[in-house]
């Protein structure tokens, strides 16, 4: 009797978990998914895992600690009219933590790889890593997703493409569309157009060339009445490897998070940030500490807002560069920026010191290092030897150069 009662209760609770309300349907509709998606065993397993009290508490805590970064992503979603589910990409990708583990690894809230950064025109070099620029990287990710949506027509496919690439998605859904149609119409398996389509798909899989051809094939199939079914793709993915299993898990997590959010399970998702950010264009070669001191801001907190600046000084290869400060510090910044002086020297190329103000006529003080000669110093600074003057030292018995001696370089 108790066993039967338990089974009934389990069935009722499970049915309740997957019974969709209007808010749940909104989350699916925004992404272009059919309501039947939640009946897939893949989704049910992930929803069961992530709707547990333990997981909800864990992710709600991550959100609680990320109010500023959350707000930046929310603003991008609103500005670019993106689906609200996009909010959960940085939660999955980086836990909303803006960081980079190494030079060649993914970086930032959106975990953008160097190759993708280049295509998005994000600067990544020894001085700057704009994948860590909170606003620029978020704008770039939004543009990236919109580009995928224009081409793939469905937001859920755009989000999957974010994880595994546009080519993998269009190749996978085209193959799934053909396979399902052939199951229903086996008599056309040797049709010349079908063979041509399959050859193009095989060629792309081997060479990664001919992406536009795949779009042409998919569009042609749609016009001929071949219908793509995401349910079919999921059901047959283990056998046919249409898409990476991690990518299907990824979209399932995003849908699960979206539904849980609509059900108000994440209490910290609306937590207000400590302050709003203001974007200011700072003159080049300013020391970051000087700016932080000028606006009476803790340096570590200031640096945390500007992780994209990898050195302690603003880049010298542009007249001005974007930095972020709390909006409440804007008046202070505007009043004091004019009196902050650029750094006279920056360290480049393994600690060789050169003057950063190319137009300055002021002498440069250079410290002699091992291997230096007057000729090498003059050549390095593009002056004649006559423009070098040894600064008088206490021990002036010898006129030979010594490591540690200082030379005045006259640039005029």
Protein backbone atom coordinates (compact mmCIF):
# COMPACT_ATOMS: atom_id res chain seq x y z
CA UNK A 1 0.00 0.00 0.00
CA UNK A 2 2.78 2.45 1.00
CA UNK A 3 4.76 1.50 -2.11
CA UNK A 4 1.80 2.32 -4.35
CA UNK A 5 1.26 5.62 -2.53
CA UNK A 6 4.94 6.52 -2.95
CA UNK A 7 4.81 5.82 -6.69
CA UNK A 8 1.68 7.99 -7.04
CA UNK A 9 3.29 10.85 -5.12
CA UNK A 10 6.47 10.55 -7.20
CA UNK A 11 4.43 10.66 -10.40
CA UNK A 12 2.47 13.70 -9.22
CA UNK A 13 5.60 15.61 -8.13
CA UNK A 14 7.39 14.78 -11.40
CA UNK A 15 4.38 15.83 -13.46
CA UNK A 16 4.22 19.08 -11.53
CA UNK A 17 7.92 19.77 -12.17
CA UNK A 18 7.44 19.65 -15.93
CA UNK A 19 4.00 21.22 -16.09
CA UNK A 20 4.60 24.49 -17.91
CA UNK A 21 3.03 27.75 -16.88
CA UNK A 22 2.84 30.89 -19.03
CA UNK A 23 6.18 32.18 -17.73
CA UNK A 24 7.88 28.89 -18.62
CA UNK A 25 6.39 28.98 -22.10
CA UNK A 26 7.69 32.53 -22.52
CA UNK A 27 11.26 31.35 -21.85
CA UNK A 28 10.91 28.61 -24.48
CA UNK A 29 9.19 30.86 -27.01
CA UNK A 30 11.93 33.51 -26.76
CA UNK A 31 14.47 30.92 -27.81
CA UNK A 32 12.30 29.46 -30.57
CA UNK A 33 11.93 26.08 -28.83
CA UNK A 34 8.81 23.92 -28.91
CA UNK A 35 7.22 23.10 -25.56
CA UNK A 36 7.95 19.42 -26.26
CA UNK A 37 11.63 20.17 -25.55
CA UNK A 38 10.98 19.86 -21.81
CA UNK A 39 9.77 16.30 -22.36
CA UNK A 40 13.17 15.23 -23.67
CA UNK A 41 14.95 12.92 -21.22
CA UNK A 42 18.12 14.99 -21.72
CA UNK A 43 16.37 18.12 -20.45
CA UNK A 44 14.56 16.32 -17.63
CA UNK A 45 17.82 14.97 -16.21
CA UNK A 46 19.45 18.41 -16.28
CA UNK A 47 16.37 20.15 -14.88
CA UNK A 48 16.20 17.64 -12.02
CA UNK A 49 19.85 18.29 -11.20
CA UNK A 50 19.78 22.08 -11.39
CA UNK A 51 16.41 22.54 -9.67
CA UNK A 52 17.66 20.85 -6.50
CA UNK A 53 17.86 23.07 -3.43
CA UNK A 54 21.63 22.58 -3.33
CA UNK A 55 22.18 23.77 -6.92
CA UNK A 56 19.77 26.68 -6.62
CA UNK A 57 21.53 27.85 -3.47
CA UNK A 58 24.94 27.50 -5.14
CA UNK A 59 24.06 29.52 -8.23
CA UNK A 60 22.06 32.08 -6.29
CA UNK A 61 25.19 32.70 -4.20
CA UNK A 62 27.24 33.25 -7.38
CA UNK A 63 24.68 35.80 -8.54
CA UNK A 64 24.67 37.53 -5.16
CA UNK A 65 28.43 38.16 -5.44
CA UNK A 66 28.21 39.41 -9.04
CA UNK A 67 25.72 42.28 -8.93
CA UNK A 68 27.80 44.72 -11.02
CA UNK A 69 28.67 42.21 -13.73
CA UNK A 70 25.06 41.01 -13.78
CA UNK A 71 23.84 44.56 -14.34
CA UNK A 72 26.19 45.07 -17.29
CA UNK A 73 24.84 41.91 -18.96
CA UNK A 74 21.22 42.89 -18.24
CA UNK A 75 21.80 46.32 -19.79
CA UNK A 76 23.22 44.69 -22.95
CA UNK A 77 20.23 42.35 -23.22
CA UNK A 78 17.82 45.26 -22.93
CA UNK A 79 19.78 47.52 -25.30
CA UNK A 80 20.17 44.88 -28.02
CA UNK A 81 16.76 43.24 -27.48
CA UNK A 82 18.31 39.84 -26.81
CA UNK A 83 16.41 36.93 -25.23
CA UNK A 84 16.51 37.06 -21.45
CA UNK A 85 18.06 33.56 -21.48
CA UNK A 86 21.32 35.11 -22.79
CA UNK A 87 21.84 36.31 -19.20
CA UNK A 88 22.77 32.76 -18.18
CA UNK A 89 25.62 32.37 -20.69
CA UNK A 90 28.21 34.12 -18.45
CA UNK A 91 26.80 32.27 -15.43
CA UNK A 92 27.63 28.97 -17.14
CA UNK A 93 30.81 30.16 -18.87
CA UNK A 94 32.55 32.01 -16.06
CA UNK A 95 30.27 32.10 -12.99
CA UNK A 96 30.16 35.86 -13.76
CA UNK A 97 33.83 36.12 -12.77
CA UNK A 98 35.87 38.37 -15.07
CA UNK A 99 39.25 36.64 -15.33
CA UNK A 100 41.83 34.98 -17.56
CA UNK A 101 43.85 31.91 -16.60
CA UNK A 102 46.51 32.20 -19.29
CA UNK A 103 47.42 34.05 -22.49
CA UNK A 104 45.87 31.48 -24.84
CA UNK A 105 42.92 30.39 -22.72
CA UNK A 106 39.37 31.77 -22.92
CA UNK A 107 38.93 34.97 -20.92
CA UNK A 108 36.37 37.29 -19.42
CA UNK A 109 32.73 36.96 -18.46
CA UNK A 110 31.99 35.41 -21.86
CA UNK A 111 35.11 33.19 -22.00
CA UNK A 112 36.14 34.43 -25.44
CA UNK A 113 39.10 32.67 -27.07
CA UNK A 114 41.88 34.75 -28.72
CA UNK A 115 40.86 33.77 -32.27
CA UNK A 116 37.26 34.84 -31.68
CA UNK A 117 38.44 38.08 -30.04
CA UNK A 118 40.29 38.94 -33.24
CA UNK A 119 37.16 38.42 -35.36
CA UNK A 120 35.20 40.58 -32.90
CA UNK A 121 37.87 43.32 -33.13
CA UNK A 122 38.73 43.06 -29.46
CA UNK A 123 42.29 44.14 -28.76
CA UNK A 124 44.48 41.47 -27.19
CA UNK A 125 48.20 42.21 -26.78
CA UNK A 126 50.85 42.70 -24.11
CA UNK A 127 49.21 45.90 -22.83
CA UNK A 128 45.48 45.33 -23.29
CA UNK A 129 43.07 42.38 -23.22
CA UNK A 130 39.63 43.65 -24.16
CA UNK A 131 38.10 40.25 -23.47
CA UNK A 132 38.35 41.46 -19.85
CA UNK A 133 36.74 44.80 -20.70
CA UNK A 134 33.38 44.40 -18.97
CA UNK A 135 31.41 46.51 -21.44
CA UNK A 136 33.31 46.00 -24.71
CA UNK A 137 33.37 42.22 -24.33
CA UNK A 138 29.65 42.16 -23.49
CA UNK A 139 28.84 44.32 -26.53
CA UNK A 140 30.96 41.98 -28.67
CA UNK A 141 29.26 38.85 -27.33
CA UNK A 142 25.85 40.40 -28.00
CA UNK A 143 26.84 41.20 -31.59
CA UNK A 144 28.23 37.68 -32.02
CA UNK A 145 24.95 36.12 -30.92
CA UNK A 146 22.88 38.44 -33.12
CA UNK A 147 24.99 37.49 -36.14
CA UNK A 148 24.33 33.81 -35.46
CA UNK A 149 20.62 34.46 -35.00
CA UNK A 150 20.37 36.25 -38.36
CA UNK A 151 21.96 33.27 -40.09
CA UNK A 152 20.46 30.37 -38.13
CA UNK A 153 17.00 31.94 -37.65
CA UNK A 154 16.47 30.52 -34.14
CA UNK A 155 17.89 31.87 -30.90
CA UNK A 156 18.47 28.44 -29.37
CA UNK A 157 20.63 27.53 -32.38
CA UNK A 158 22.53 30.82 -31.98
CA UNK A 159 23.25 29.95 -28.34
CA UNK A 160 24.41 26.46 -29.31
CA UNK A 161 26.67 28.01 -31.98
CA UNK A 162 28.24 30.14 -29.24
CA UNK A 163 29.56 26.93 -27.68
CA UNK A 164 30.59 24.84 -30.68
CA UNK A 165 30.73 27.18 -33.67
CA UNK A 166 28.44 28.20 -36.47
CA UNK A 167 29.78 25.62 -38.92
CA UNK A 168 29.19 22.69 -36.58
CA UNK A 169 25.58 23.80 -36.05
CA UNK A 170 24.58 24.33 -39.70
CA UNK A 171 26.33 21.09 -40.71
CA UNK A 172 24.62 19.16 -37.91
CA UNK A 173 21.09 20.43 -38.46
CA UNK A 174 21.38 19.96 -42.23
CA UNK A 175 22.47 16.33 -41.82
CA UNK A 176 19.69 15.69 -39.29
CA UNK A 177 17.11 17.20 -41.67
CA UNK A 178 18.25 14.93 -44.54
CA UNK A 179 18.42 11.81 -42.34
CA UNK A 180 14.91 12.28 -40.97
CA UNK A 181 13.48 12.91 -44.43
CA UNK A 182 15.17 9.78 -45.79
CA UNK A 183 13.74 7.70 -42.92
CA UNK A 184 10.30 8.85 -43.99
CA UNK A 185 11.05 8.56 -47.73
CA UNK A 186 13.62 5.74 -48.18
CA UNK A 187 12.85 5.47 -51.90
CA UNK A 188 14.84 8.66 -52.65
CA UNK A 189 18.02 7.62 -50.84
CA UNK A 190 19.92 7.48 -54.16
CA UNK A 191 18.49 10.72 -55.51
CA UNK A 192 21.23 12.73 -57.25
CA UNK A 193 20.49 15.90 -55.24
CA UNK A 194 20.65 13.95 -51.97
CA UNK A 195 24.04 12.51 -52.94
CA UNK A 196 25.25 16.00 -53.86
CA UNK A 197 24.10 17.38 -50.50
CA UNK A 198 25.84 14.59 -48.60
CA UNK A 199 29.07 15.09 -50.55
CA UNK A 200 29.07 18.79 -49.64
CA UNK A 201 28.47 17.93 -45.98
CA UNK A 202 31.28 15.37 -45.96
CA UNK A 203 33.63 17.82 -47.66
CA UNK A 204 32.90 20.52 -45.08
CA UNK A 205 33.43 18.07 -42.23
CA UNK A 206 36.88 17.20 -43.60
CA UNK A 207 38.09 20.60 -44.80
CA UNK A 208 35.99 23.15 -42.86
CA UNK A 209 35.52 24.97 -46.18
CA UNK A 210 32.28 25.80 -47.95
CA UNK A 211 30.23 27.17 -45.03
CA UNK A 212 28.01 29.26 -47.32
CA UNK A 213 27.25 26.10 -49.35
CA UNK A 214 25.79 24.47 -46.24
CA UNK A 215 23.43 27.40 -45.72
CA UNK A 216 22.37 27.14 -49.37
CA UNK A 217 21.69 23.42 -48.92
CA UNK A 218 19.69 23.94 -45.73
CA UNK A 219 17.60 26.71 -47.35
CA UNK A 220 17.03 24.50 -50.38
CA UNK A 221 15.84 21.64 -48.17
CA UNK A 222 13.40 23.96 -46.38
CA UNK A 223 11.96 25.17 -49.69
CA UNK A 224 11.48 21.55 -50.79
CA UNK A 225 9.48 20.80 -47.67
CA UNK A 226 12.17 19.05 -45.61
CA UNK A 227 11.48 20.06 -42.00
CA UNK A 228 14.16 20.29 -39.34
CA UNK A 229 13.21 18.73 -36.02
CA UNK A 230 15.33 19.47 -32.98
CA UNK A 231 13.59 16.59 -31.19
CA UNK A 232 14.78 14.20 -33.91
CA UNK A 233 18.33 15.57 -33.65
CA UNK A 234 18.41 15.05 -29.87
CA UNK A 235 16.93 11.56 -30.09
CA UNK A 236 19.48 10.43 -32.68
CA UNK A 237 22.51 12.45 -31.59
CA UNK A 238 24.27 9.66 -29.71
CA UNK A 239 24.19 7.53 -32.85
CA UNK A 240 24.92 10.19 -35.49
CA UNK A 241 26.90 12.89 -33.62
CA UNK A 242 25.04 15.82 -35.15
CA UNK A 243 26.14 18.19 -32.37
CA UNK A 244 28.55 17.87 -29.42
CA UNK A 245 26.73 16.39 -26.43
CA UNK A 246 28.17 19.22 -24.32
CA UNK A 247 26.37 21.73 -26.53
CA UNK A 248 23.04 19.99 -26.03
CA UNK A 249 23.70 19.95 -22.29
CA UNK A 250 24.53 23.66 -22.56
CA UNK A 251 21.21 24.69 -24.12
CA UNK A 252 19.38 22.45 -21.64
CA UNK A 253 21.08 24.23 -18.73
CA UNK A 254 20.18 27.64 -20.16
CA UNK A 255 16.53 26.61 -20.53
CA UNK A 256 16.54 25.13 -17.03
CA UNK A 257 18.01 28.32 -15.55
CA UNK A 258 15.50 30.44 -17.50
CA UNK A 259 12.54 28.45 -16.20
CA UNK A 260 13.86 28.50 -12.63
CA UNK A 261 14.37 32.25 -12.92
CA UNK A 262 10.82 32.76 -14.20
CA UNK A 263 9.67 30.78 -11.18
CA UNK A 264 11.57 33.23 -8.95
CA UNK A 265 13.96 30.61 -7.59
CA UNK A 266 17.02 32.91 -7.83
CA UNK A 267 16.42 35.55 -5.16
CA UNK A 268 19.67 37.44 -5.85
CA UNK A 269 19.10 37.95 -9.55
CA UNK A 270 17.64 41.42 -9.00
CA UNK A 271 20.23 42.54 -6.45
CA UNK A 272 21.34 46.09 -7.19
CA UNK A 273 24.98 46.81 -7.86
CA UNK A 274 27.03 48.92 -5.46
CA UNK A 275 27.25 51.61 -8.15
CA UNK A 276 26.77 52.25 -11.84
CA UNK A 277 29.78 52.47 -14.12
CA UNK A 278 30.81 55.57 -16.03
CA UNK A 279 33.04 55.34 -19.09
CA UNK A 280 35.72 58.02 -19.32
CA UNK A 281 38.43 58.58 -21.91
CA UNK A 282 41.69 59.00 -20.03
CA UNK A 283 44.83 60.50 -21.61
CA UNK A 284 47.58 58.05 -22.51
CA UNK A 285 50.52 57.12 -20.27
CA UNK A 286 48.71 57.89 -17.01
CA UNK A 287 49.52 55.62 -14.11
CA UNK A 288 46.45 53.75 -12.87
CA UNK A 289 47.37 54.46 -9.25
CA UNK A 290 47.44 58.19 -10.00
CA UNK A 291 43.90 58.04 -11.35
CA UNK A 292 42.65 55.98 -8.41
CA UNK A 293 44.27 58.36 -5.93
CA UNK A 294 42.85 61.40 -7.70
CA UNK A 295 39.27 60.13 -7.32
CA UNK A 296 39.90 58.76 -3.78
CA UNK A 297 39.23 55.18 -4.81
CA UNK A 298 40.78 52.00 -3.47
CA UNK A 299 43.34 50.93 -6.05
CA UNK A 300 42.45 47.22 -6.01
CA UNK A 301 38.79 48.06 -6.55
CA UNK A 302 39.71 50.45 -9.38
CA UNK A 303 41.94 47.81 -10.99
CA UNK A 304 39.16 45.24 -10.69
CA UNK A 305 36.95 47.48 -12.85
CA UNK A 306 39.74 47.82 -15.42
CA UNK A 307 41.22 44.34 -15.71
CA UNK A 308 41.54 44.83 -19.45
CA UNK A 309 44.52 47.13 -18.78
CA UNK A 310 47.24 44.58 -18.11
CA UNK A 311 49.98 47.00 -17.02
CA UNK A 312 50.09 49.68 -14.36
CA UNK A 313 49.97 52.43 -16.95
CA UNK A 314 47.56 53.34 -19.74
CA UNK A 315 48.74 52.43 -23.25
CA UNK A 316 50.82 55.00 -25.07
CA UNK A 317 49.80 54.09 -28.61
CA UNK A 318 46.53 56.05 -28.56
CA UNK A 319 45.76 59.57 -27.38
CA UNK A 320 42.97 58.43 -25.05
CA UNK A 321 41.75 55.10 -23.73
CA UNK A 322 38.50 53.99 -22.10
CA UNK A 323 38.54 53.29 -18.39
CA UNK A 324 35.69 52.65 -15.97
CA UNK A 325 34.96 54.44 -12.73
CA UNK A 326 31.90 54.58 -10.47
CA UNK A 327 29.41 57.15 -11.74
CA UNK A 328 29.53 58.83 -8.35
CA UNK A 329 33.24 59.60 -8.94
CA UNK A 330 32.64 61.29 -12.29
CA UNK A 331 32.64 64.87 -11.00
CA UNK A 332 35.83 64.27 -9.05
CA UNK A 333 37.48 62.75 -12.11
CA UNK A 334 36.49 65.66 -14.36
CA UNK A 335 37.88 68.16 -11.87
CA UNK A 336 41.21 66.43 -11.33
CA UNK A 337 42.10 64.68 -14.59
CA UNK A 338 43.79 67.79 -16.00
CA UNK A 339 46.31 67.92 -13.16
CA UNK A 340 47.31 64.24 -13.34
CA UNK A 341 50.65 64.08 -15.12
CA UNK A 342 51.62 61.24 -17.48
CA UNK A 343 54.33 58.87 -16.39
CA UNK A 344 57.74 60.08 -17.61
CA UNK A 345 58.99 56.59 -18.24
CA UNK A 346 57.44 53.23 -19.05
CA UNK A 347 59.17 49.88 -18.97
CA UNK A 348 59.12 48.05 -22.26
CA UNK A 349 61.09 45.36 -24.00
CA UNK A 350 62.61 43.65 -20.97
CA UNK A 351 63.11 46.75 -18.84
CA UNK A 352 64.77 48.97 -21.44
CA UNK A 353 63.61 52.43 -20.48
CA UNK A 354 62.52 54.93 -23.06
CA UNK A 355 60.71 58.24 -22.81
CA UNK A 356 56.99 57.92 -23.57
CA UNK A 357 56.49 61.50 -24.66
CA UNK A 358 57.90 61.56 -28.17
CA UNK A 359 57.47 65.30 -28.53
CA UNK A 360 59.22 66.19 -25.29
CA UNK A 361 62.55 68.06 -25.44
CA UNK A 362 63.35 67.32 -21.83
CA UNK A 363 66.52 65.26 -21.27
CA UNK A 364 66.12 61.56 -20.52
CA UNK A 365 68.07 60.06 -17.65
CA UNK A 366 69.32 56.61 -18.65
CA UNK A 367 70.94 54.08 -16.30
CA UNK A 368 73.87 52.10 -17.72
CA UNK A 369 73.33 48.35 -17.94
CA UNK A 370 75.62 45.44 -18.68
CA UNK A 371 76.69 45.45 -22.34
CA UNK A 372 75.85 49.12 -22.96
CA UNK A 373 78.19 51.32 -24.98
CA UNK A 374 77.83 54.97 -25.97
CA UNK A 375 77.18 53.84 -29.53
CA UNK A 376 74.43 51.38 -28.56
CA UNK A 377 72.75 53.92 -26.26
CA UNK A 378 72.81 56.61 -28.94
CA UNK A 379 71.40 54.24 -31.54
CA UNK A 380 68.68 53.04 -29.19
CA UNK A 381 67.49 56.61 -28.61
CA UNK A 382 68.07 57.79 -32.16
CA UNK A 383 70.57 60.53 -31.23
CA UNK A 384 74.22 61.19 -31.89
CA UNK A 385 76.91 60.41 -29.30
CA UNK A 386 77.35 64.17 -28.85
CA UNK A 387 73.88 64.23 -27.28
CA UNK A 388 74.99 61.92 -24.46
CA UNK A 389 76.31 63.45 -21.28
CA UNK A 390 77.69 61.44 -18.35
CA UNK A 391 76.20 62.76 -15.11
CA UNK A 392 79.00 63.58 -12.71
CA UNK A 393 79.44 60.99 -9.99
CA UNK A 394 81.11 61.19 -6.60
CA UNK A 395 83.93 58.94 -7.72
CA UNK A 396 85.02 60.75 -10.89
CA UNK A 397 88.57 59.44 -11.10
CA UNK A 398 87.71 57.16 -14.01
CA UNK A 399 85.88 58.26 -17.12
CA UNK A 400 85.08 54.66 -18.11
CA UNK A 401 81.38 53.76 -18.10
CA UNK A 402 80.26 51.63 -15.17
CA UNK A 403 77.03 49.70 -14.63
CA UNK A 404 74.74 51.98 -12.66
CA UNK A 405 76.17 55.23 -14.06
CA UNK A 406 73.57 57.68 -15.31
CA UNK A 407 73.66 59.41 -18.67
CA UNK A 408 71.66 62.43 -19.71
CA UNK A 409 70.27 62.08 -23.24
CA UNK A 410 69.41 65.38 -24.91
CA UNK A 411 66.68 64.89 -27.53
CA UNK A 412 66.47 68.44 -28.88
